[in-house]
Structures are given as C-alpha cells and as structure tokens.
Amino acid sequence: MTFQLLLVLAAGLFSTGLFGALSQQSIVMIMMGIELMIGGIVVAAAGFRHFLSPAVGSGQVVIVAAVVAMAVEMAMGFAVTTAVYRARQVDMTDMAGDLRG
C-alpha cells in the first residue's frame, strides 16, 4: 500500500464521518460519525509515522494511546446516550437540549 492510497483511505473515512455527523440527528449516528472521523485521523497518523520515520518506534505508542482514548470517549458517550434514553426515551439531538454545556 502506498502513502497516497493510505491518505485517500484516511480522507474517505474522515469525509464519511463528517457527512454522517452533520447529516444525522440521532445521537448514536452522530457518535458513529465522530468515530469514523477519528479513525481517519488515526489512519493518517499511522501512515505518516510508517512512511516518514519507520525506524522510530515511539509513534506506535501515540497511535495506540489515541485509539484507547477514542474507545474510552465513545464508551462514555454511549453510556450518557443510554442513560438519557432510559430516563426520557429520547434519542434525537433536538429533544435532548438539556445536554448543552
């Protein structure tokens, strides 16, 4: 796999996630879009690390940390979504207005 194909894959993942996050009103679908966007960023970072500095091993730790942070963030988001749905039977962003910061 070439560097250009890896960047095209990352751009495709990010674009699909951006479209999903902006076009959906369901909280779960928005979170899945954000997950795809972060996945695209991780793929691009892994590609840059692999092709620009293959001898340095510290980039792998950063990528694993990013994936773990992404998994934790999504787990917490799904927990909040599940709690809101159980409390008020709401799964759309327009009806969950009290989650605003």
PDB file of N, CA and C in Angstrom:
ATOM      1  N   MET A   1       0.854  -1.174   0.000  1.00  0.00           N
ATOM      2  CA  MET A   1       0.000   0.000   0.000  1.00  0.00           C
ATOM      3  C   MET A   1       0.895   1.230   0.000  1.00  0.00           C
ATOM      4  N   THR A   2       0.575   2.148  -0.865  1.00  0.00           N
ATOM      5  CA  THR A   2       1.388   3.354  -0.966  1.00  0.00           C
ATOM      6  C   THR A   2       0.881   4.416   0.002  1.00  0.00           C
ATOM      7  N   PHE A   3       1.705   5.424   0.163  1.00  0.00           N
ATOM      8  CA  PHE A   3       1.355   6.515   1.073  1.00  0.00           C
ATOM      9  C   PHE A   3       0.125   7.269   0.579  1.00  0.00           C
ATOM     10  N   GLN A   4       0.040   7.430  -0.733  1.00  0.00           N
ATOM     11  CA  GLN A   4      -1.101   8.155  -1.300  1.00  0.00           C
ATOM     12  C   GLN A   4      -2.408   7.391  -1.069  1.00  0.00           C
ATOM     13  N   LEU A   5      -2.385   6.077  -1.238  1.00  0.00           N
ATOM     14  CA  LEU A   5      -3.601   5.288  -1.008  1.00  0.00           C
ATOM     15  C   LEU A   5      -4.025   5.344   0.456  1.00  0.00           C
ATOM     16  N   LEU A   6      -3.044   5.356   1.330  1.00  0.00           N
ATOM     17  CA  LEU A   6      -3.356   5.453   2.762  1.00  0.00           C
ATOM     18  C   LEU A   6      -4.006   6.796   3.098  1.00  0.00           C
ATOM     19  N   LEU A   7      -3.498   7.855   2.470  1.00  0.00           N
ATOM     20  CA  LEU A   7      -4.094   9.179   2.704  1.00  0.00           C
ATOM     21  C   LEU A   7      -5.485   9.277   2.090  1.00  0.00           C
ATOM     22  N   VAL A   8      -5.694   8.632   0.942  1.00  0.00           N
ATOM     23  CA  VAL A   8      -7.028   8.614   0.340  1.00  0.00           C
ATOM     24  C   VAL A   8      -7.993   7.852   1.245  1.00  0.00           C
ATOM     25  N   LEU A   9      -7.542   6.737   1.804  1.00  0.00           N
ATOM     26  CA  LEU A   9      -8.370   5.989   2.750  1.00  0.00           C
ATOM     27  C   LEU A   9      -8.713   6.838   3.963  1.00  0.00           C
ATOM     28  N   ALA A  10      -7.724   7.540   4.504  1.00  0.00           N
ATOM     29  CA  ALA A  10      -7.960   8.390   5.673  1.00  0.00           C
ATOM     30  C   ALA A  10      -8.930   9.519   5.334  1.00  0.00           C
ATOM     31  N   ALA A  11      -8.750  10.126   4.156  1.00  0.00           N
ATOM     32  CA  ALA A  11      -9.653  11.209   3.745  1.00  0.00           C
ATOM     33  C   ALA A  11     -11.068  10.680   3.529  1.00  0.00           C
ATOM     34  N   GLY A  12     -11.182   9.479   2.967  1.00  0.00           N
ATOM     35  CA  GLY A  12     -12.505   8.878   2.780  1.00  0.00           C
ATOM     36  C   GLY A  12     -13.197   8.598   4.104  1.00  0.00           C
ATOM     37  N   LEU A  13     -12.454   8.046   5.052  1.00  0.00           N
ATOM     38  CA  LEU A  13     -13.035   7.796   6.372  1.00  0.00           C
ATOM     39  C   LEU A  13     -13.466   9.097   7.041  1.00  0.00           C
ATOM     40  N   PHE A  14     -12.610  10.105   6.965  1.00  0.00           N
ATOM     41  CA  PHE A  14     -12.928  11.376   7.604  1.00  0.00           C
ATOM     42  C   PHE A  14     -14.134  12.031   6.938  1.00  0.00           C
ATOM     43  N   SER A  15     -14.183  11.989   5.613  1.00  0.00           N
ATOM     44  CA  SER A  15     -15.300  12.613   4.890  1.00  0.00           C
ATOM     45  C   SER A  15     -16.615  11.902   5.177  1.00  0.00           C
ATOM     46  N   THR A  16     -16.578  10.578   5.197  1.00  0.00           N
ATOM     47  CA  THR A  16     -17.785   9.819   5.507  1.00  0.00           C
ATOM     48  C   THR A  16     -18.265  10.119   6.921  1.00  0.00           C
ATOM     49  N   GLY A  17     -17.331  10.187   7.850  1.00  0.00           N
ATOM     50  CA  GLY A  17     -17.688  10.516   9.226  1.00  0.00           C
ATOM     51  C   GLY A  17     -18.230  11.922   9.368  1.00  0.00           C
ATOM     52  N   LEU A  18     -17.635  12.864   8.643  1.00  0.00           N
ATOM     53  CA  LEU A  18     -18.119  14.244   8.694  1.00  0.00           C
ATOM     54  C   LEU A  18     -19.526  14.344   8.139  1.00  0.00           C
ATOM     55  N   PHE A  19     -19.767  13.667   7.023  1.00  0.00           N
ATOM     56  CA  PHE A  19     -21.114  13.663   6.452  1.00  0.00           C
ATOM     57  C   PHE A  19     -22.106  13.029   7.431  1.00  0.00           C
ATOM     58  N   GLY A  20     -21.712  11.921   8.039  1.00  0.00           N
ATOM     59  CA  GLY A  20     -22.600  11.249   8.996  1.00  0.00           C
ATOM     60  C   GLY A  20     -22.883  12.102  10.223  1.00  0.00           C
ATOM     61  N   ALA A  21     -21.864  12.796  10.708  1.00  0.00           N
ATOM     62  CA  ALA A  21     -22.052  13.604  11.917  1.00  0.00           C
ATOM     63  C   ALA A  21     -22.900  14.836  11.639  1.00  0.00           C
ATOM     64  N   LEU A  22     -22.781  15.397  10.430  1.00  0.00           N
ATOM     65  CA  LEU A  22     -23.522  16.615  10.131  1.00  0.00           C
ATOM     66  C   LEU A  22     -24.933  16.354   9.609  1.00  0.00           C
ATOM     67  N   SER A  23     -25.174  15.190   9.052  1.00  0.00           N
ATOM     68  CA  SER A  23     -26.469  14.952   8.420  1.00  0.00           C
ATOM     69  C   SER A  23     -27.457  14.182   9.295  1.00  0.00           C
ATOM     70  N   GLN A  24     -27.020  13.636  10.394  1.00  0.00           N
ATOM     71  CA  GLN A  24     -27.900  12.822  11.235  1.00  0.00           C
ATOM     72  C   GLN A  24     -28.367  13.603  12.458  1.00  0.00           C
ATOM     73  N   GLN A  25     -29.510  13.236  12.989  1.00  0.00           N
ATOM     74  CA  GLN A  25     -30.000  13.836  14.224  1.00  0.00           C
ATOM     75  C   GLN A  25     -29.989  12.851  15.382  1.00  0.00           C
ATOM     76  N   SER A  26     -29.812  11.587  15.106  1.00  0.00           N
ATOM     77  CA  SER A  26     -29.725  10.595  16.169  1.00  0.00           C
ATOM     78  C   SER A  26     -28.366  10.713  16.855  1.00  0.00           C
ATOM     79  N   ILE A  27     -28.380  10.684  18.167  1.00  0.00           N
ATOM     80  CA  ILE A  27     -27.143  10.849  18.931  1.00  0.00           C
ATOM     81  C   ILE A  27     -26.166   9.723  18.617  1.00  0.00           C
ATOM     82  N   VAL A  28     -26.669   8.510  18.485  1.00  0.00           N
ATOM     83  CA  VAL A  28     -25.806   7.362  18.203  1.00  0.00           C
ATOM     84  C   VAL A  28     -25.154   7.506  16.824  1.00  0.00           C
ATOM     85  N   MET A  29     -25.910   7.950  15.834  1.00  0.00           N
ATOM     86  CA  MET A  29     -25.354   8.109  14.488  1.00  0.00           C
ATOM     87  C   MET A  29     -24.314   9.231  14.449  1.00  0.00           C
ATOM     88  N   ILE A  30     -24.535  10.286  15.209  1.00  0.00           N
ATOM     89  CA  ILE A  30     -23.550  11.374  15.279  1.00  0.00           C
ATOM     90  C   ILE A  30     -22.256  10.862  15.908  1.00  0.00           C
ATOM     91  N   MET A  31     -22.406  10.050  16.962  1.00  0.00           N
ATOM     92  CA  MET A  31     -21.219   9.496  17.609  1.00  0.00           C
ATOM     93  C   MET A  31     -20.483   8.536  16.678  1.00  0.00           C
ATOM     94  N   MET A  32     -21.225   7.775  15.877  1.00  0.00           N
ATOM     95  CA  MET A  32     -20.570   6.891  14.925  1.00  0.00           C
ATOM     96  C   MET A  32     -19.828   7.698  13.857  1.00  0.00           C
ATOM     97  N   GLY A  33     -20.382   8.832  13.444  1.00  0.00           N
ATOM     98  CA  GLY A  33     -19.685   9.705  12.507  1.00  0.00           C
ATOM     99  C   GLY A  33     -18.402  10.262  13.090  1.00  0.00           C
ATOM    100  N   ILE A  34     -18.476  10.669  14.342  1.00  0.00           N
ATOM    101  CA  ILE A  34     -17.273  11.176  15.013  1.00  0.00           C
ATOM    102  C   ILE A  34     -16.234  10.071  15.134  1.00  0.00           C
ATOM    103  N   GLU A  35     -16.701   8.858  15.410  1.00  0.00           N
ATOM    104  CA  GLU A  35     -15.783   7.709  15.494  1.00  0.00           C
ATOM    105  C   GLU A  35     -15.059   7.487  14.156  1.00  0.00           C
ATOM    106  N   LEU A  36     -15.795   7.586  13.054  1.00  0.00           N
ATOM    107  CA  LEU A  36     -15.169   7.434  11.734  1.00  0.00           C
ATOM    108  C   LEU A  36     -14.159   8.552  11.469  1.00  0.00           C
ATOM    109  N   MET A  37     -14.497   9.774  11.875  1.00  0.00           N
ATOM    110  CA  MET A  37     -13.567  10.883  11.674  1.00  0.00           C
ATOM    111  C   MET A  37     -12.281  10.656  12.460  1.00  0.00           C
ATOM    112  N   ILE A  38     -12.393  10.224  13.688  1.00  0.00           N
ATOM    113  CA  ILE A  38     -11.196   9.968  14.499  1.00  0.00           C
ATOM    114  C   ILE A  38     -10.414   8.797  13.915  1.00  0.00           C
ATOM    115  N   GLY A  39     -11.129   7.783  13.397  1.00  0.00           N
ATOM    116  CA  GLY A  39     -10.455   6.665  12.754  1.00  0.00           C
ATOM    117  C   GLY A  39      -9.652   7.114  11.538  1.00  0.00           C
ATOM    118  N   GLY A  40     -10.200   8.034  10.761  1.00  0.00           N
ATOM    119  CA  GLY A  40      -9.463   8.585   9.625  1.00  0.00           C
ATOM    120  C   GLY A  40      -8.204   9.315  10.056  1.00  0.00           C
ATOM    121  N   ILE A  41      -8.306  10.064  11.148  1.00  0.00           N
ATOM    122  CA  ILE A  41      -7.137  10.781  11.660  1.00  0.00           C
ATOM    123  C   ILE A  41      -6.076   9.797  12.142  1.00  0.00           C
ATOM    124  N   VAL A  42      -6.512   8.726  12.798  1.00  0.00           N
ATOM    125  CA  VAL A  42      -5.565   7.723  13.290  1.00  0.00           C
ATOM    126  C   VAL A  42      -4.888   7.012  12.116  1.00  0.00           C
ATOM    127  N   VAL A  43      -5.652   6.702  11.062  1.00  0.00           N
ATOM    128  CA  VAL A  43      -5.060   6.059   9.883  1.00  0.00           C
ATOM    129  C   VAL A  43      -4.031   6.985   9.234  1.00  0.00           C
ATOM    130  N   ALA A  44      -4.354   8.268   9.124  1.00  0.00           N
ATOM    131  CA  ALA A  44      -3.402   9.221   8.547  1.00  0.00           C
ATOM    132  C   ALA A  44      -2.152   9.350   9.415  1.00  0.00           C
ATOM    133  N   ALA A  45      -2.326   9.393  10.715  1.00  0.00           N
ATOM    134  CA  ALA A  45      -1.177   9.488  11.616  1.00  0.00           C
ATOM    135  C   ALA A  45      -0.312   8.244  11.523  1.00  0.00           C
ATOM    136  N   ALA A  46      -0.954   7.078  11.429  1.00  0.00           N
ATOM    137  CA  ALA A  46      -0.189   5.837  11.295  1.00  0.00           C
ATOM    138  C   ALA A  46       0.560   5.802   9.970  1.00  0.00           C
ATOM    139  N   GLY A  47      -0.066   6.309   8.914  1.00  0.00           N
ATOM    140  CA  GLY A  47       0.604   6.367   7.617  1.00  0.00           C
ATOM    141  C   GLY A  47       1.800   7.292   7.635  1.00  0.00           C
ATOM    142  N   PHE A  48       1.621   8.473   8.227  1.00  0.00           N
ATOM    143  CA  PHE A  48       2.739   9.404   8.333  1.00  0.00           C
ATOM    144  C   PHE A  48       3.867   8.789   9.136  1.00  0.00           C
ATOM    145  N   ARG A  49       3.532   8.139  10.236  1.00  0.00           N
ATOM    146  CA  ARG A  49       4.563   7.528  11.061  1.00  0.00           C
ATOM    147  C   ARG A  49       5.287   6.426  10.301  1.00  0.00           C
ATOM    148  N   HIS A  50       4.549   5.601   9.596  1.00  0.00           N
ATOM    149  CA  HIS A  50       5.150   4.472   8.901  1.00  0.00           C
ATOM    150  C   HIS A  50       6.031   4.926   7.735  1.00  0.00           C
ATOM    151  N   PHE A  51       5.590   5.908   6.982  1.00  0.00           N
ATOM    152  CA  PHE A  51       6.333   6.283   5.788  1.00  0.00           C
ATOM    153  C   PHE A  51       7.367   7.379   6.037  1.00  0.00           C
ATOM    154  N   LEU A  52       7.217   8.191   7.045  1.00  0.00           N
ATOM    155  CA  LEU A  52       8.165   9.276   7.254  1.00  0.00           C
ATOM    156  C   LEU A  52       9.266   8.926   8.240  1.00  0.00           C
ATOM    157  N   SER A  53       8.961   8.100   9.231  1.00  0.00           N
ATOM    158  CA  SER A  53      10.004   7.715  10.185  1.00  0.00           C
ATOM    159  C   SER A  53       9.795   6.262  10.596  1.00  0.00           C
ATOM    160  N   PRO A  54      10.095   5.332   9.704  1.00  0.00           N
ATOM    161  CA  PRO A  54       9.811   3.926  10.030  1.00  0.00           C
ATOM    162  C   PRO A  54      10.719   3.359  11.118  1.00  0.00           C
ATOM    163  N   ALA A  55      11.886   3.957  11.354  1.00  0.00           N
ATOM    164  CA  ALA A  55      12.801   3.395  12.344  1.00  0.00           C
ATOM    165  C   ALA A  55      12.442   3.788  13.764  1.00  0.00           C
ATOM    166  N   VAL A  56      11.684   4.871  13.926  1.00  0.00           N
ATOM    167  CA  VAL A  56      11.341   5.346  15.259  1.00  0.00           C
ATOM    168  C   VAL A  56      10.086   4.607  15.738  1.00  0.00           C
ATOM    169  N   GLY A  57      10.173   3.982  16.879  1.00  0.00           N
ATOM    170  CA  GLY A  57       9.063   3.194  17.389  1.00  0.00           C
ATOM    171  C   GLY A  57       8.123   3.946  18.298  1.00  0.00           C
ATOM    172  N   SER A  58       8.440   5.175  18.645  1.00  0.00           N
ATOM    173  CA  SER A  58       7.602   5.893  19.599  1.00  0.00           C
ATOM    174  C   SER A  58       6.266   6.326  19.001  1.00  0.00           C
ATOM    175  N   GLY A  59       6.150   6.378  17.700  1.00  0.00           N
ATOM    176  CA  GLY A  59       4.887   6.763  17.078  1.00  0.00           C
ATOM    177  C   GLY A  59       3.791   5.750  17.309  1.00  0.00           C
ATOM    178  N   GLN A  60       4.173   4.489  17.454  1.00  0.00           N
ATOM    179  CA  GLN A  60       3.171   3.455  17.703  1.00  0.00           C
ATOM    180  C   GLN A  60       2.480   3.667  19.040  1.00  0.00           C
ATOM    181  N   VAL A  61       3.205   4.122  20.014  1.00  0.00           N
ATOM    182  CA  VAL A  61       2.635   4.352  21.344  1.00  0.00           C
ATOM    183  C   VAL A  61       1.603   5.474  21.271  1.00  0.00           C
ATOM    184  N   VAL A  62       1.902   6.505  20.515  1.00  0.00           N
ATOM    185  CA  VAL A  62       0.966   7.621  20.372  1.00  0.00           C
ATOM    186  C   VAL A  62      -0.310   7.150  19.683  1.00  0.00           C
ATOM    187  N   ILE A  63      -0.173   6.334  18.657  1.00  0.00           N
ATOM    188  CA  ILE A  63      -1.340   5.836  17.934  1.00  0.00           C
ATOM    189  C   ILE A  63      -2.174   4.925  18.822  1.00  0.00           C
ATOM    190  N   VAL A  64      -1.543   4.049  19.585  1.00  0.00           N
ATOM    191  CA  VAL A  64      -2.292   3.180  20.492  1.00  0.00           C
ATOM    192  C   VAL A  64      -2.991   4.014  21.561  1.00  0.00           C
ATOM    193  N   ALA A  65      -2.326   5.046  22.059  1.00  0.00           N
ATOM    194  CA  ALA A  65      -2.956   5.930  23.046  1.00  0.00           C
ATOM    195  C   ALA A  65      -4.157   6.648  22.444  1.00  0.00           C
ATOM    196  N   ALA A  66      -4.051   7.064  21.175  1.00  0.00           N
ATOM    197  CA  ALA A  66      -5.181   7.731  20.512  1.00  0.00           C
ATOM    198  C   ALA A  66      -6.349   6.780  20.339  1.00  0.00           C
ATOM    199  N   VAL A  67      -6.071   5.536  19.978  1.00  0.00           N
ATOM    200  CA  VAL A  67      -7.151   4.555  19.806  1.00  0.00           C
ATOM    201  C   VAL A  67      -7.815   4.254  21.140  1.00  0.00           C
ATOM    202  N   VAL A  68      -7.027   4.133  22.203  1.00  0.00           N
ATOM    203  CA  VAL A  68      -7.596   3.875  23.531  1.00  0.00           C
ATOM    204  C   VAL A  68      -8.443   5.065  23.984  1.00  0.00           C
ATOM    205  N   ALA A  69      -7.943   6.282  23.765  1.00  0.00           N
ATOM    206  CA  ALA A  69      -8.717   7.470  24.146  1.00  0.00           C
ATOM    207  C   ALA A  69     -10.015   7.539  23.357  1.00  0.00           C
ATOM    208  N   MET A  70      -9.955   7.158  22.082  1.00  0.00           N
ATOM    209  CA  MET A  70     -11.161   7.160  21.248  1.00  0.00           C
ATOM    210  C   MET A  70     -12.169   6.132  21.771  1.00  0.00           C
ATOM    211  N   ALA A  71     -11.695   4.961  22.162  1.00  0.00           N
ATOM    212  CA  ALA A  71     -12.599   3.928  22.669  1.00  0.00           C
ATOM    213  C   ALA A  71     -13.239   4.355  23.989  1.00  0.00           C
ATOM    214  N   VAL A  72     -12.456   4.960  24.862  1.00  0.00           N
ATOM    215  CA  VAL A  72     -12.989   5.421  26.151  1.00  0.00           C
ATOM    216  C   VAL A  72     -14.016   6.531  25.935  1.00  0.00           C
ATOM    217  N   GLU A  73     -13.701   7.451  25.037  1.00  0.00           N
ATOM    218  CA  GLU A  73     -14.621   8.556  24.759  1.00  0.00           C
ATOM    219  C   GLU A  73     -15.934   8.037  24.201  1.00  0.00           C
ATOM    220  N   MET A  74     -15.872   7.082  23.312  1.00  0.00           N
ATOM    221  CA  MET A  74     -17.095   6.529  22.735  1.00  0.00           C
ATOM    222  C   MET A  74     -17.888   5.728  23.769  1.00  0.00           C
ATOM    223  N   ALA A  75     -17.202   5.009  24.628  1.00  0.00           N
ATOM    224  CA  ALA A  75     -17.902   4.257  25.669  1.00  0.00           C
ATOM    225  C   ALA A  75     -18.639   5.205  26.609  1.00  0.00           C
ATOM    226  N   MET A  76     -17.993   6.324  26.974  1.00  0.00           N
ATOM    227  CA  MET A  76     -18.658   7.291  27.851  1.00  0.00           C
ATOM    228  C   MET A  76     -19.829   7.964  27.137  1.00  0.00           C
ATOM    229  N   GLY A  77     -19.646   8.249  25.851  1.00  0.00           N
ATOM    230  CA  GLY A  77     -20.735   8.855  25.088  1.00  0.00           C
ATOM    231  C   GLY A  77     -21.931   7.937  24.965  1.00  0.00           C
ATOM    232  N   PHE A  78     -21.675   6.667  24.705  1.00  0.00           N
ATOM    233  CA  PHE A  78     -22.778   5.715  24.622  1.00  0.00           C
ATOM    234  C   PHE A  78     -23.442   5.517  25.985  1.00  0.00           C
ATOM    235  N   ALA A  79     -22.668   5.589  27.064  1.00  0.00           N
ATOM    236  CA  ALA A  79     -23.257   5.479  28.397  1.00  0.00           C
ATOM    237  C   ALA A  79     -24.189   6.658  28.678  1.00  0.00           C
ATOM    238  N   VAL A  80     -23.776   7.855  28.312  1.00  0.00           N
ATOM    239  CA  VAL A  80     -24.633   9.036  28.502  1.00  0.00           C
ATOM    240  C   VAL A  80     -25.879   8.925  27.636  1.00  0.00           C
ATOM    241  N   THR A  81     -25.701   8.483  26.402  1.00  0.00           N
ATOM    242  CA  THR A  81     -26.840   8.327  25.497  1.00  0.00           C
ATOM    243  C   THR A  81     -27.830   7.301  26.028  1.00  0.00           C
ATOM    244  N   THR A  82     -27.311   6.198  26.529  1.00  0.00           N
ATOM    245  CA  THR A  82     -28.178   5.162  27.092  1.00  0.00           C
ATOM    246  C   THR A  82     -28.914   5.679  28.322  1.00  0.00           C
ATOM    247  N   ALA A  83     -28.230   6.442  29.169  1.00  0.00           N
ATOM    248  CA  ALA A  83     -28.864   6.992  30.364  1.00  0.00           C
ATOM    249  C   ALA A  83     -29.967   7.991  29.990  1.00  0.00           C
ATOM    250  N   VAL A  84     -29.705   8.831  28.991  1.00  0.00           N
ATOM    251  CA  VAL A  84     -30.723   9.789  28.550  1.00  0.00           C
ATOM    252  C   VAL A  84     -31.910   9.060  27.942  1.00  0.00           C
ATOM    253  N   TYR A  85     -31.626   8.027  27.163  1.00  0.00           N
ATOM    254  CA  TYR A  85     -32.724   7.288  26.539  1.00  0.00           C
ATOM    255  C   TYR A  85     -33.570   6.560  27.582  1.00  0.00           C
ATOM    256  N   ARG A  86     -32.922   5.974  28.566  1.00  0.00           N
ATOM    257  CA  ARG A  86     -33.680   5.269  29.605  1.00  0.00           C
ATOM    258  C   ARG A  86     -34.503   6.227  30.456  1.00  0.00           C
ATOM    259  N   ALA A  87     -33.983   7.418  30.693  1.00  0.00           N
ATOM    260  CA  ALA A  87     -34.687   8.368  31.549  1.00  0.00           C
ATOM    261  C   ALA A  87     -35.859   9.026  30.842  1.00  0.00           C
ATOM    262  N   ARG A  88     -35.672   9.372  29.546  1.00  0.00           N
ATOM    263  CA  ARG A  88     -36.701  10.174  28.882  1.00  0.00           C
ATOM    264  C   ARG A  88     -37.143   9.627  27.530  1.00  0.00           C
ATOM    265  N   GLN A  89     -36.650   8.460  27.118  1.00  0.00           N
ATOM    266  CA  GLN A  89     -36.987   7.877  25.818  1.00  0.00           C
ATOM    267  C   GLN A  89     -36.656   8.845  24.678  1.00  0.00           C
ATOM    268  N   VAL A  90     -35.521   9.520  24.768  1.00  0.00           N
ATOM    269  CA  VAL A  90     -35.087  10.496  23.769  1.00  0.00           C
ATOM    270  C   VAL A  90     -33.786  10.006  23.147  1.00  0.00           C
ATOM    271  N   ASP A  91     -33.754   9.979  21.809  1.00  0.00           N
ATOM    272  CA  ASP A  91     -32.501   9.622  21.144  1.00  0.00           C
ATOM    273  C   ASP A  91     -32.142  10.595  20.023  1.00  0.00           C
ATOM    274  N   MET A  92     -32.822  11.711  19.947  1.00  0.00           N
ATOM    275  CA  MET A  92     -32.531  12.726  18.937  1.00  0.00           C
ATOM    276  C   MET A  92     -31.914  13.945  19.606  1.00  0.00           C
ATOM    277  N   THR A  93     -31.073  14.649  18.881  1.00  0.00           N
ATOM    278  CA  THR A  93     -30.363  15.779  19.466  1.00  0.00           C
ATOM    279  C   THR A  93     -31.294  16.946  19.783  1.00  0.00           C
ATOM    280  N   ASP A  94     -32.329  17.121  18.980  1.00  0.00           N
ATOM    281  CA  ASP A  94     -33.235  18.241  19.223  1.00  0.00           C
ATOM    282  C   ASP A  94     -34.013  18.078  20.526  1.00  0.00           C
ATOM    283  N   MET A  95     -34.288  16.841  20.894  1.00  0.00           N
ATOM    284  CA  MET A  95     -35.070  16.600  22.102  1.00  0.00           C
ATOM    285  C   MET A  95     -34.206  16.497  23.359  1.00  0.00           C
ATOM    286  N   ALA A  96     -32.907  16.443  23.199  1.00  0.00           N
ATOM    287  CA  ALA A  96     -32.007  16.344  24.352  1.00  0.00           C
ATOM    288  C   ALA A  96     -31.295  17.678  24.557  1.00  0.00           C
ATOM    289  N   GLY A  97     -32.036  18.732  24.638  1.00  0.00           N
ATOM    290  CA  GLY A  97     -31.485  20.079  24.746  1.00  0.00           C
ATOM    291  C   GLY A  97     -30.802  20.369  26.069  1.00  0.00           C
ATOM    292  N   ASP A  98     -31.119  19.617  27.108  1.00  0.00           N
ATOM    293  CA  ASP A  98     -30.506  19.898  28.402  1.00  0.00           C
ATOM    294  C   ASP A  98     -29.071  19.395  28.502  1.00  0.00           C
ATOM    295  N   LEU A  99     -28.547  18.756  27.461  1.00  0.00           N
ATOM    296  CA  LEU A  99     -27.159  18.304  27.462  1.00  0.00           C
ATOM    297  C   LEU A  99     -26.199  19.405  27.023  1.00  0.00           C
ATOM    298  N   ARG A 100     -26.727  20.556  26.669  1.00  0.00           N
ATOM    299  CA  ARG A 100     -25.868  21.663  26.254  1.00  0.00           C
ATOM    300  C   ARG A 100     -25.012  22.133  27.413  1.00  0.00           C
ATOM    301  N   GLY A 101     -23.816  22.529  27.093  1.00  0.00           N
ATOM    302  CA  GLY A 101     -22.892  22.953  28.131  1.00  0.00           C
ATOM    303  C   GLY A 101     -23.082  24.349  28.583  1.00  0.00           C
TER     304      GLY A 101
END
